N, C-alpha and C. Protein backbone atom coordinates (compact mmCIF):
# COMPACT_ATOMS: atom_id res chain seq x y z
N MET A 1 79.03 -23.92 -56.96
CA MET A 1 78.21 -24.20 -58.12
C MET A 1 78.47 -25.65 -58.53
N ASP A 2 77.42 -26.39 -58.79
CA ASP A 2 77.61 -27.79 -59.14
C ASP A 2 78.04 -27.93 -60.60
N ILE A 3 78.47 -29.14 -60.97
CA ILE A 3 79.07 -29.41 -62.27
C ILE A 3 78.08 -29.15 -63.41
N SER A 4 76.82 -29.54 -63.28
CA SER A 4 75.85 -29.34 -64.37
C SER A 4 75.60 -27.86 -64.63
N LYS A 5 75.60 -27.02 -63.60
CA LYS A 5 75.42 -25.57 -63.80
C LYS A 5 76.64 -24.96 -64.49
N ARG A 6 77.85 -25.47 -64.17
CA ARG A 6 79.06 -24.97 -64.83
C ARG A 6 79.05 -25.33 -66.32
N LYS A 7 78.59 -26.55 -66.63
CA LYS A 7 78.52 -26.96 -68.03
C LYS A 7 77.54 -26.08 -68.80
N ILE A 8 76.41 -25.77 -68.19
CA ILE A 8 75.42 -24.90 -68.83
C ILE A 8 76.00 -23.51 -69.01
N SER A 9 76.68 -22.98 -67.97
CA SER A 9 77.29 -21.65 -68.06
C SER A 9 78.34 -21.61 -69.16
N ARG A 10 79.18 -22.63 -69.25
CA ARG A 10 80.19 -22.69 -70.30
C ARG A 10 79.54 -22.77 -71.68
N SER A 11 78.47 -23.54 -71.78
CA SER A 11 77.77 -23.67 -73.06
C SER A 11 77.18 -22.33 -73.49
N ILE A 12 76.59 -21.62 -72.54
CA ILE A 12 76.01 -20.30 -72.86
C ILE A 12 77.10 -19.33 -73.27
N VAL A 13 78.21 -19.33 -72.55
CA VAL A 13 79.33 -18.45 -72.89
C VAL A 13 79.86 -18.81 -74.27
N PHE A 14 79.97 -20.10 -74.55
CA PHE A 14 80.45 -20.56 -75.86
C PHE A 14 79.52 -20.09 -76.97
N ILE A 15 78.22 -20.26 -76.79
CA ILE A 15 77.24 -19.84 -77.81
C ILE A 15 77.27 -18.33 -78.01
N ILE A 16 77.36 -17.58 -76.92
CA ILE A 16 77.45 -16.12 -77.02
C ILE A 16 78.74 -15.73 -77.75
N GLY A 17 79.82 -16.44 -77.46
CA GLY A 17 81.10 -16.17 -78.13
C GLY A 17 81.03 -16.42 -79.62
N ILE A 18 80.39 -17.54 -80.00
CA ILE A 18 80.23 -17.84 -81.42
C ILE A 18 79.39 -16.76 -82.09
N PHE A 19 78.30 -16.37 -81.44
CA PHE A 19 77.42 -15.34 -82.00
C PHE A 19 78.17 -14.02 -82.17
N LEU A 20 78.88 -13.58 -81.12
CA LEU A 20 79.62 -12.32 -81.20
C LEU A 20 80.75 -12.41 -82.23
N GLY A 21 81.41 -13.55 -82.26
CA GLY A 21 82.47 -13.74 -83.26
C GLY A 21 81.91 -13.64 -84.67
N GLY A 22 80.75 -14.26 -84.89
CA GLY A 22 80.11 -14.18 -86.19
C GLY A 22 79.77 -12.75 -86.57
N LEU A 23 79.27 -11.98 -85.60
CA LEU A 23 78.96 -10.58 -85.87
C LEU A 23 80.21 -9.79 -86.23
N ILE A 24 81.28 -10.02 -85.49
CA ILE A 24 82.53 -9.31 -85.75
C ILE A 24 83.08 -9.68 -87.12
N VAL A 25 83.10 -10.97 -87.43
CA VAL A 25 83.61 -11.42 -88.73
C VAL A 25 82.75 -10.84 -89.85
N SER A 26 81.44 -10.89 -89.71
CA SER A 26 80.58 -10.36 -90.77
C SER A 26 80.78 -8.86 -90.94
N PHE A 27 81.09 -8.16 -89.85
CA PHE A 27 81.34 -6.73 -89.94
C PHE A 27 82.60 -6.45 -90.76
N TYR A 28 83.66 -7.22 -90.51
CA TYR A 28 84.91 -7.00 -91.23
C TYR A 28 84.95 -7.68 -92.59
N VAL A 29 84.45 -8.88 -92.69
CA VAL A 29 84.55 -9.64 -93.94
C VAL A 29 83.39 -9.34 -94.87
N GLY A 30 82.21 -9.15 -94.33
CA GLY A 30 81.02 -8.94 -95.15
C GLY A 30 81.17 -7.83 -96.17
N PRO A 31 81.55 -6.61 -95.77
CA PRO A 31 81.69 -5.54 -96.76
C PRO A 31 82.76 -5.85 -97.80
N ALA A 32 83.86 -6.52 -97.41
CA ALA A 32 84.91 -6.87 -98.38
C ALA A 32 84.36 -7.86 -99.39
N TYR A 33 83.58 -8.83 -98.92
CA TYR A 33 83.02 -9.82 -99.84
C TYR A 33 82.08 -9.15 -100.83
N VAL A 34 81.24 -8.27 -100.34
CA VAL A 34 80.31 -7.58 -101.22
C VAL A 34 81.08 -6.73 -102.23
N ALA A 35 82.13 -6.06 -101.76
CA ALA A 35 82.91 -5.22 -102.66
C ALA A 35 83.60 -6.06 -103.74
N LEU A 36 84.09 -7.24 -103.36
CA LEU A 36 84.78 -8.09 -104.32
C LEU A 36 83.85 -8.57 -105.43
N THR A 37 82.62 -8.83 -105.12
CA THR A 37 81.72 -9.34 -106.15
C THR A 37 81.29 -8.24 -107.10
N ASP A 38 81.39 -6.98 -106.70
CA ASP A 38 81.14 -5.88 -107.61
C ASP A 38 82.37 -5.73 -108.50
N SER A 39 82.18 -5.50 -109.79
CA SER A 39 83.33 -5.42 -110.68
C SER A 39 84.09 -4.12 -110.47
N GLY A 40 85.41 -4.20 -110.71
CA GLY A 40 86.24 -3.02 -110.69
C GLY A 40 86.92 -2.68 -109.39
N VAL A 41 86.58 -3.28 -108.28
CA VAL A 41 87.20 -2.95 -107.01
C VAL A 41 88.59 -3.54 -106.97
N ASP A 42 89.58 -2.68 -106.76
CA ASP A 42 90.97 -3.11 -106.72
C ASP A 42 91.37 -3.90 -107.95
N GLY A 43 90.77 -3.60 -109.08
CA GLY A 43 91.14 -4.27 -110.32
C GLY A 43 90.68 -5.70 -110.43
N ILE A 44 89.76 -6.12 -109.57
CA ILE A 44 89.27 -7.50 -109.58
C ILE A 44 87.83 -7.52 -110.11
N GLU A 45 87.58 -8.43 -111.02
CA GLU A 45 86.23 -8.58 -111.56
C GLU A 45 85.86 -10.06 -111.51
N ILE A 46 84.70 -10.35 -110.98
CA ILE A 46 84.18 -11.72 -110.94
C ILE A 46 83.33 -11.93 -112.18
N VAL A 47 83.58 -13.04 -112.89
CA VAL A 47 82.84 -13.35 -114.12
C VAL A 47 82.27 -14.76 -113.96
N ASN A 48 80.96 -14.85 -113.91
CA ASN A 48 80.29 -16.13 -113.71
C ASN A 48 79.44 -16.51 -114.91
N ASP A 49 79.33 -17.81 -115.10
CA ASP A 49 78.37 -18.41 -116.03
C ASP A 49 78.35 -17.71 -117.39
N ARG A 50 77.20 -17.19 -117.80
CA ARG A 50 77.01 -16.66 -119.15
C ARG A 50 77.71 -15.32 -119.38
N GLU A 51 78.30 -14.73 -118.36
CA GLU A 51 79.05 -13.48 -118.54
C GLU A 51 80.39 -13.72 -119.24
N TYR A 52 80.86 -14.95 -119.24
CA TYR A 52 82.22 -15.28 -119.68
C TYR A 52 82.50 -14.89 -121.13
N PHE A 53 81.67 -15.32 -122.06
CA PHE A 53 81.95 -15.11 -123.47
C PHE A 53 82.19 -13.62 -123.79
N ASP A 54 81.27 -12.76 -123.39
CA ASP A 54 81.39 -11.34 -123.71
C ASP A 54 82.68 -10.75 -123.15
N ARG A 55 83.00 -11.09 -121.90
CA ARG A 55 84.21 -10.53 -121.28
C ARG A 55 85.48 -11.05 -121.94
N VAL A 56 85.52 -12.34 -122.26
CA VAL A 56 86.72 -12.90 -122.88
C VAL A 56 86.87 -12.35 -124.30
N PHE A 57 85.78 -12.22 -125.02
CA PHE A 57 85.84 -11.65 -126.36
C PHE A 57 86.43 -10.24 -126.30
N GLU A 58 85.95 -9.43 -125.35
CA GLU A 58 86.47 -8.06 -125.17
C GLU A 58 87.95 -8.07 -124.81
N LEU A 59 88.34 -8.97 -123.90
CA LEU A 59 89.74 -9.04 -123.49
C LEU A 59 90.64 -9.40 -124.67
N ILE A 60 90.27 -10.41 -125.40
CA ILE A 60 91.07 -10.83 -126.55
C ILE A 60 91.13 -9.70 -127.58
N ASP A 61 90.00 -9.07 -127.82
CA ASP A 61 89.95 -7.97 -128.78
C ASP A 61 90.83 -6.79 -128.35
N SER A 62 91.02 -6.61 -127.05
CA SER A 62 91.81 -5.49 -126.54
C SER A 62 93.32 -5.74 -126.59
N ALA A 63 93.75 -6.96 -126.87
CA ALA A 63 95.17 -7.30 -126.84
C ALA A 63 95.94 -6.54 -127.93
N ASP A 64 97.06 -5.95 -127.53
CA ASP A 64 97.94 -5.25 -128.46
C ASP A 64 99.24 -6.00 -128.72
N LYS A 65 99.72 -6.74 -127.68
CA LYS A 65 101.03 -7.38 -127.79
C LYS A 65 100.96 -8.90 -127.75
N SER A 66 100.22 -9.43 -126.75
CA SER A 66 100.26 -10.88 -126.59
C SER A 66 98.98 -11.42 -125.97
N ILE A 67 98.70 -12.66 -126.35
CA ILE A 67 97.62 -13.45 -125.75
C ILE A 67 98.22 -14.81 -125.45
N HIS A 68 98.34 -15.13 -124.18
CA HIS A 68 98.85 -16.44 -123.77
C HIS A 68 97.71 -17.18 -123.10
N LEU A 69 97.45 -18.38 -123.60
CA LEU A 69 96.27 -19.13 -123.18
C LEU A 69 96.69 -20.54 -122.76
N VAL A 70 96.24 -20.96 -121.61
CA VAL A 70 96.39 -22.35 -121.18
C VAL A 70 94.97 -22.85 -120.96
N MET A 71 94.60 -23.91 -121.69
CA MET A 71 93.21 -24.35 -121.62
C MET A 71 93.13 -25.86 -121.63
N PHE A 72 92.36 -26.39 -120.71
CA PHE A 72 92.13 -27.83 -120.64
C PHE A 72 91.42 -28.33 -121.88
N GLU A 73 90.41 -27.59 -122.33
CA GLU A 73 89.61 -28.05 -123.46
C GLU A 73 89.21 -26.89 -124.36
N ILE A 74 89.50 -27.01 -125.65
CA ILE A 74 89.03 -26.07 -126.67
C ILE A 74 88.32 -26.89 -127.74
N LYS A 75 87.10 -26.53 -128.00
CA LYS A 75 86.32 -27.21 -129.04
C LYS A 75 86.20 -26.30 -130.26
N TYR A 76 85.85 -26.89 -131.39
CA TYR A 76 85.47 -26.15 -132.58
C TYR A 76 84.32 -26.91 -133.22
N TYR A 77 83.23 -26.21 -133.51
CA TYR A 77 82.01 -26.84 -133.99
C TYR A 77 81.77 -26.50 -135.46
N ASP A 78 82.15 -27.40 -136.36
CA ASP A 78 81.94 -27.18 -137.79
C ASP A 78 80.47 -27.01 -138.13
N LYS A 79 79.59 -27.72 -137.43
CA LYS A 79 78.15 -27.63 -137.70
C LYS A 79 77.53 -26.33 -137.20
N TYR A 80 78.25 -25.62 -136.31
CA TYR A 80 77.73 -24.39 -135.72
C TYR A 80 78.78 -23.29 -135.86
N PRO A 81 78.99 -22.81 -137.07
CA PRO A 81 80.08 -21.86 -137.31
C PRO A 81 79.98 -20.55 -136.52
N ASP A 82 78.78 -20.16 -136.11
CA ASP A 82 78.62 -18.92 -135.35
C ASP A 82 78.59 -19.14 -133.83
N SER A 83 78.93 -20.34 -133.40
CA SER A 83 78.90 -20.62 -131.95
C SER A 83 79.89 -19.70 -131.23
N GLU A 84 79.64 -19.46 -129.96
CA GLU A 84 80.51 -18.59 -129.18
C GLU A 84 81.94 -19.11 -129.13
N VAL A 85 82.10 -20.42 -128.97
CA VAL A 85 83.45 -21.00 -128.93
C VAL A 85 84.17 -20.72 -130.24
N ASN A 86 83.50 -20.96 -131.37
CA ASN A 86 84.11 -20.70 -132.67
C ASN A 86 84.47 -19.22 -132.83
N GLN A 87 83.63 -18.34 -132.31
CA GLN A 87 83.92 -16.91 -132.39
C GLN A 87 85.22 -16.57 -131.66
N LEU A 88 85.46 -17.20 -130.52
CA LEU A 88 86.71 -16.95 -129.79
C LEU A 88 87.91 -17.50 -130.55
N VAL A 89 87.76 -18.69 -131.12
CA VAL A 89 88.85 -19.26 -131.92
C VAL A 89 89.15 -18.34 -133.10
N GLU A 90 88.11 -17.86 -133.79
CA GLU A 90 88.30 -16.95 -134.92
C GLU A 90 88.93 -15.63 -134.48
N LYS A 91 88.57 -15.15 -133.30
CA LYS A 91 89.15 -13.90 -132.79
C LYS A 91 90.64 -14.08 -132.51
N LEU A 92 91.03 -15.25 -131.98
CA LEU A 92 92.46 -15.52 -131.77
C LEU A 92 93.21 -15.52 -133.11
N ILE A 93 92.62 -16.13 -134.12
CA ILE A 93 93.24 -16.17 -135.46
C ILE A 93 93.40 -14.75 -136.00
N LYS A 94 92.38 -13.93 -135.84
CA LYS A 94 92.42 -12.54 -136.33
C LYS A 94 93.50 -11.74 -135.61
N LYS A 95 93.58 -11.88 -134.30
CA LYS A 95 94.60 -11.14 -133.53
C LYS A 95 96.00 -11.59 -133.94
N ASN A 96 96.17 -12.87 -134.16
CA ASN A 96 97.46 -13.39 -134.60
C ASN A 96 97.84 -12.79 -135.96
N SER A 97 96.86 -12.70 -136.88
CA SER A 97 97.13 -12.14 -138.21
C SER A 97 97.44 -10.65 -138.14
N GLU A 98 97.01 -9.98 -137.06
CA GLU A 98 97.29 -8.55 -136.87
C GLU A 98 98.64 -8.31 -136.19
N GLY A 99 99.38 -9.40 -135.89
CA GLY A 99 100.70 -9.26 -135.30
C GLY A 99 100.77 -9.44 -133.79
N VAL A 100 99.64 -9.74 -133.16
CA VAL A 100 99.64 -10.03 -131.72
C VAL A 100 100.19 -11.45 -131.54
N GLU A 101 101.13 -11.61 -130.62
CA GLU A 101 101.66 -12.95 -130.34
C GLU A 101 100.59 -13.78 -129.63
N VAL A 102 100.15 -14.85 -130.28
CA VAL A 102 99.15 -15.75 -129.71
C VAL A 102 99.82 -17.10 -129.50
N LYS A 103 99.90 -17.52 -128.24
CA LYS A 103 100.49 -18.82 -127.89
C LYS A 103 99.49 -19.56 -127.00
N ILE A 104 99.27 -20.83 -127.34
CA ILE A 104 98.24 -21.61 -126.65
C ILE A 104 98.83 -22.95 -126.23
N ILE A 105 98.55 -23.34 -124.99
CA ILE A 105 98.88 -24.67 -124.49
C ILE A 105 97.55 -25.37 -124.18
N VAL A 106 97.38 -26.58 -124.72
CA VAL A 106 96.14 -27.32 -124.49
C VAL A 106 96.44 -28.74 -124.01
N ASP A 107 95.49 -29.30 -123.32
CA ASP A 107 95.61 -30.68 -122.89
C ASP A 107 95.41 -31.60 -124.09
N GLN A 108 96.27 -32.58 -124.21
CA GLN A 108 96.23 -33.42 -125.41
C GLN A 108 95.15 -34.47 -125.41
N PHE A 109 94.54 -34.73 -124.28
CA PHE A 109 93.56 -35.81 -124.24
C PHE A 109 92.14 -35.35 -124.50
N LEU A 110 91.79 -34.14 -124.10
CA LEU A 110 90.41 -33.70 -124.25
C LEU A 110 90.18 -32.62 -125.29
N THR A 111 91.22 -31.88 -125.62
CA THR A 111 91.01 -30.81 -126.59
C THR A 111 90.68 -31.40 -127.96
N ASP A 112 89.70 -30.78 -128.58
CA ASP A 112 89.25 -31.17 -129.92
C ASP A 112 90.41 -30.95 -130.91
N LYS A 113 90.80 -31.99 -131.57
CA LYS A 113 91.90 -31.89 -132.54
C LYS A 113 91.57 -30.88 -133.65
N ARG A 114 90.30 -30.77 -133.98
CA ARG A 114 89.87 -29.85 -135.04
C ARG A 114 90.21 -28.40 -134.67
N ALA A 115 89.99 -28.03 -133.43
CA ALA A 115 90.30 -26.66 -132.99
C ALA A 115 91.79 -26.38 -133.16
N VAL A 116 92.63 -27.34 -132.76
CA VAL A 116 94.08 -27.15 -132.87
C VAL A 116 94.50 -27.10 -134.34
N GLU A 117 93.93 -27.95 -135.17
CA GLU A 117 94.25 -27.94 -136.61
C GLU A 117 93.97 -26.57 -137.23
N ILE A 118 92.80 -26.03 -136.92
CA ILE A 118 92.41 -24.73 -137.48
C ILE A 118 93.35 -23.64 -137.00
N LEU A 119 93.65 -23.64 -135.71
CA LEU A 119 94.54 -22.62 -135.16
C LEU A 119 95.94 -22.73 -135.77
N GLN A 120 96.49 -23.93 -135.81
CA GLN A 120 97.84 -24.11 -136.35
C GLN A 120 97.91 -23.80 -137.85
N LYS A 121 96.89 -24.20 -138.58
CA LYS A 121 96.85 -23.96 -140.03
C LYS A 121 96.90 -22.48 -140.35
N THR A 122 96.37 -21.66 -139.46
CA THR A 122 96.33 -20.22 -139.68
C THR A 122 97.50 -19.50 -139.02
N GLY A 123 98.47 -20.28 -138.52
CA GLY A 123 99.69 -19.67 -137.99
C GLY A 123 99.74 -19.43 -136.50
N VAL A 124 98.71 -19.83 -135.76
CA VAL A 124 98.72 -19.65 -134.30
C VAL A 124 99.62 -20.73 -133.70
N ASP A 125 100.46 -20.33 -132.77
CA ASP A 125 101.41 -21.22 -132.12
C ASP A 125 100.70 -22.00 -131.01
N VAL A 126 100.47 -23.30 -131.23
CA VAL A 126 99.76 -24.15 -130.27
C VAL A 126 100.65 -25.32 -129.89
N LYS A 127 100.72 -25.60 -128.60
CA LYS A 127 101.45 -26.76 -128.12
C LYS A 127 100.53 -27.65 -127.30
N TRP A 128 100.73 -28.96 -127.45
CA TRP A 128 100.07 -29.93 -126.58
C TRP A 128 100.86 -30.00 -125.29
N ASP A 129 100.18 -30.26 -124.18
CA ASP A 129 100.88 -30.36 -122.91
C ASP A 129 101.75 -31.62 -122.87
N SER A 130 102.51 -31.73 -121.81
CA SER A 130 103.36 -32.89 -121.60
C SER A 130 102.51 -34.15 -121.45
N THR A 131 103.04 -35.27 -121.92
CA THR A 131 102.31 -36.53 -121.77
C THR A 131 102.32 -37.03 -120.34
N THR A 132 103.18 -36.48 -119.50
CA THR A 132 103.26 -36.93 -118.12
C THR A 132 102.36 -36.15 -117.17
N LEU A 133 101.76 -35.07 -117.66
CA LEU A 133 100.90 -34.23 -116.82
C LEU A 133 99.61 -33.89 -117.56
N THR A 134 98.58 -33.62 -116.80
CA THR A 134 97.34 -33.10 -117.36
C THR A 134 97.32 -31.59 -117.16
N THR A 135 97.08 -30.87 -118.22
CA THR A 135 96.94 -29.42 -118.12
C THR A 135 95.47 -29.12 -117.88
N HIS A 136 95.14 -28.81 -116.66
CA HIS A 136 93.76 -28.57 -116.29
C HIS A 136 93.47 -27.08 -116.11
N SER A 137 94.45 -26.24 -116.30
CA SER A 137 94.30 -24.80 -116.14
C SER A 137 93.34 -24.22 -117.16
N LYS A 138 92.73 -23.12 -116.77
CA LYS A 138 91.94 -22.29 -117.67
C LYS A 138 92.43 -20.87 -117.42
N LEU A 139 93.46 -20.48 -118.17
CA LEU A 139 94.21 -19.25 -117.90
C LEU A 139 94.39 -18.46 -119.18
N ILE A 140 94.13 -17.16 -119.12
CA ILE A 140 94.37 -16.26 -120.24
C ILE A 140 95.15 -15.06 -119.70
N ILE A 141 96.25 -14.73 -120.37
CA ILE A 141 97.06 -13.56 -119.99
C ILE A 141 97.09 -12.63 -121.21
N ILE A 142 96.66 -11.41 -121.02
CA ILE A 142 96.60 -10.42 -122.10
C ILE A 142 97.67 -9.36 -121.87
N ASP A 143 98.55 -9.21 -122.85
CA ASP A 143 99.60 -8.17 -122.83
C ASP A 143 100.45 -8.19 -121.56
N GLY A 144 100.60 -9.35 -120.93
CA GLY A 144 101.43 -9.46 -119.73
C GLY A 144 100.92 -8.62 -118.57
N ARG A 145 99.62 -8.31 -118.60
CA ARG A 145 99.07 -7.40 -117.59
C ARG A 145 97.74 -7.86 -117.03
N VAL A 146 96.83 -8.28 -117.89
CA VAL A 146 95.49 -8.68 -117.47
C VAL A 146 95.41 -10.20 -117.46
N VAL A 147 94.90 -10.76 -116.37
CA VAL A 147 94.81 -12.22 -116.22
C VAL A 147 93.35 -12.60 -115.98
N LEU A 148 92.91 -13.63 -116.69
CA LEU A 148 91.63 -14.28 -116.40
C LEU A 148 91.97 -15.72 -116.01
N ILE A 149 91.49 -16.13 -114.87
CA ILE A 149 91.70 -17.50 -114.42
C ILE A 149 90.40 -17.99 -113.79
N GLY A 150 90.07 -19.25 -114.05
CA GLY A 150 88.83 -19.78 -113.51
C GLY A 150 88.56 -21.20 -113.93
N SER A 151 87.28 -21.50 -114.09
CA SER A 151 86.87 -22.89 -114.33
C SER A 151 86.36 -23.15 -115.74
N THR A 152 86.22 -22.11 -116.57
CA THR A 152 85.52 -22.25 -117.85
C THR A 152 86.42 -22.80 -118.96
N ASN A 153 86.06 -23.96 -119.49
CA ASN A 153 86.67 -24.49 -120.70
C ASN A 153 86.02 -23.81 -121.90
N TRP A 154 86.61 -23.99 -123.07
CA TRP A 154 86.03 -23.44 -124.29
C TRP A 154 85.22 -24.53 -124.97
N SER A 155 84.00 -24.70 -124.48
CA SER A 155 83.10 -25.72 -125.03
C SER A 155 81.66 -25.22 -124.88
N TYR A 156 80.78 -25.81 -125.65
CA TYR A 156 79.36 -25.46 -125.59
C TYR A 156 78.82 -25.61 -124.16
N TYR A 157 79.14 -26.71 -123.52
CA TYR A 157 78.60 -26.96 -122.18
C TYR A 157 79.11 -25.94 -121.17
N SER A 158 80.39 -25.60 -121.23
CA SER A 158 80.92 -24.60 -120.30
C SER A 158 80.28 -23.24 -120.53
N PHE A 159 80.03 -22.90 -121.80
CA PHE A 159 79.47 -21.59 -122.11
C PHE A 159 77.97 -21.52 -121.89
N SER A 160 77.27 -22.65 -122.01
CA SER A 160 75.80 -22.61 -122.04
C SER A 160 75.09 -23.38 -120.94
N LYS A 161 75.71 -24.40 -120.40
CA LYS A 161 75.00 -25.30 -119.50
C LYS A 161 75.59 -25.38 -118.09
N ASN A 162 76.89 -25.12 -117.95
CA ASN A 162 77.54 -25.31 -116.65
C ASN A 162 77.51 -24.04 -115.81
N HIS A 163 77.63 -24.22 -114.50
CA HIS A 163 77.95 -23.11 -113.61
C HIS A 163 79.47 -23.00 -113.60
N GLU A 164 79.97 -21.83 -113.93
CA GLU A 164 81.41 -21.58 -114.01
C GLU A 164 81.73 -20.27 -113.29
N SER A 165 82.92 -20.21 -112.69
CA SER A 165 83.35 -18.99 -112.00
C SER A 165 84.77 -18.65 -112.42
N ASN A 166 85.00 -17.36 -112.62
CA ASN A 166 86.30 -16.87 -113.09
C ASN A 166 86.59 -15.53 -112.45
N VAL A 167 87.86 -15.18 -112.44
CA VAL A 167 88.30 -13.89 -111.92
C VAL A 167 89.17 -13.23 -112.97
N ILE A 168 88.95 -11.95 -113.18
CA ILE A 168 89.82 -11.15 -114.04
C ILE A 168 90.47 -10.11 -113.14
N PHE A 169 91.78 -9.96 -113.28
CA PHE A 169 92.44 -8.88 -112.56
C PHE A 169 93.50 -8.23 -113.43
N ASP A 170 93.71 -6.97 -113.18
CA ASP A 170 94.67 -6.16 -113.92
C ASP A 170 95.76 -5.76 -112.94
N ASP A 171 96.83 -6.56 -112.92
CA ASP A 171 97.93 -6.31 -111.99
C ASP A 171 99.21 -6.86 -112.61
N LYS A 172 100.12 -5.97 -112.96
CA LYS A 172 101.33 -6.36 -113.69
C LYS A 172 102.20 -7.34 -112.90
N GLU A 173 102.33 -7.13 -111.59
CA GLU A 173 103.18 -8.02 -110.78
C GLU A 173 102.61 -9.43 -110.71
N SER A 174 101.32 -9.56 -110.48
CA SER A 174 100.69 -10.88 -110.45
C SER A 174 100.73 -11.51 -111.84
N ALA A 175 100.47 -10.71 -112.86
CA ALA A 175 100.51 -11.22 -114.23
C ALA A 175 101.90 -11.74 -114.58
N LYS A 176 102.92 -11.09 -114.05
CA LYS A 176 104.30 -11.54 -114.30
C LYS A 176 104.51 -12.96 -113.78
N LYS A 177 103.95 -13.26 -112.62
CA LYS A 177 104.07 -14.62 -112.06
C LYS A 177 103.33 -15.64 -112.92
N PHE A 178 102.15 -15.26 -113.43
CA PHE A 178 101.42 -16.16 -114.32
C PHE A 178 102.16 -16.32 -115.65
N GLU A 179 102.82 -15.26 -116.13
CA GLU A 179 103.63 -15.38 -117.35
C GLU A 179 104.79 -16.35 -117.13
N GLN A 180 105.41 -16.29 -115.96
CA GLN A 180 106.49 -17.23 -115.64
C GLN A 180 105.96 -18.66 -115.62
N TYR A 181 104.79 -18.85 -115.05
CA TYR A 181 104.15 -20.17 -115.05
C TYR A 181 103.89 -20.62 -116.49
N PHE A 182 103.31 -19.72 -117.29
CA PHE A 182 103.03 -20.05 -118.69
C PHE A 182 104.30 -20.48 -119.41
N GLU A 183 105.38 -19.72 -119.26
CA GLU A 183 106.64 -20.04 -119.94
C GLU A 183 107.21 -21.37 -119.49
N ARG A 184 107.07 -21.68 -118.21
CA ARG A 184 107.54 -22.98 -117.70
C ARG A 184 106.76 -24.12 -118.34
N VAL A 185 105.43 -24.00 -118.36
CA VAL A 185 104.61 -25.05 -118.97
C VAL A 185 104.88 -25.13 -120.47
N TRP A 186 105.07 -23.97 -121.11
CA TRP A 186 105.37 -23.94 -122.55
C TRP A 186 106.66 -24.73 -122.83
N GLN A 187 107.68 -24.50 -122.01
CA GLN A 187 108.95 -25.21 -122.21
C GLN A 187 108.83 -26.70 -121.96
N GLU A 188 107.97 -27.09 -121.01
CA GLU A 188 107.77 -28.50 -120.69
C GLU A 188 106.95 -29.23 -121.76
N SER A 189 106.22 -28.47 -122.55
CA SER A 189 105.30 -29.08 -123.53
C SER A 189 106.02 -29.45 -124.81
């Protein structure tokens, strides 16, 4: 067989291999991907875009012991007292007044000072991050068990205009690792 026919044969085998590999991967990975995007499978829930506010409000409302929050940006809109962001800030204040431990770490450069003033004035424990690092996390831990982590800041644009993706999971062992992370950042702040 001459060299050009071998190259064609190898190319055909390669293309068939890629095609068969794709079929095999889609068979094994495809159903898992579909299952993951449906809420509740293995305690994992995907929360995108406009779904965020309702789910976070429910999570915060469900807290009995603690709410630990690490957030790059938290806004408060005096001109829009009923805004979704303000509702979450008010819910944190309410939970704190009910005896739930509420601790928040925010980035000092972008977080609205007004939001922090309101939270601190009402007794919520808020710390600015270290001046040597940027806190870019968007993390919520409820009762040391439920974790929400993703891309959504607490701002009008994140809630209303941006594409955002987040994951909620209910797993005590994983939550313990995030709690350790939270405590480390808290101590550094």
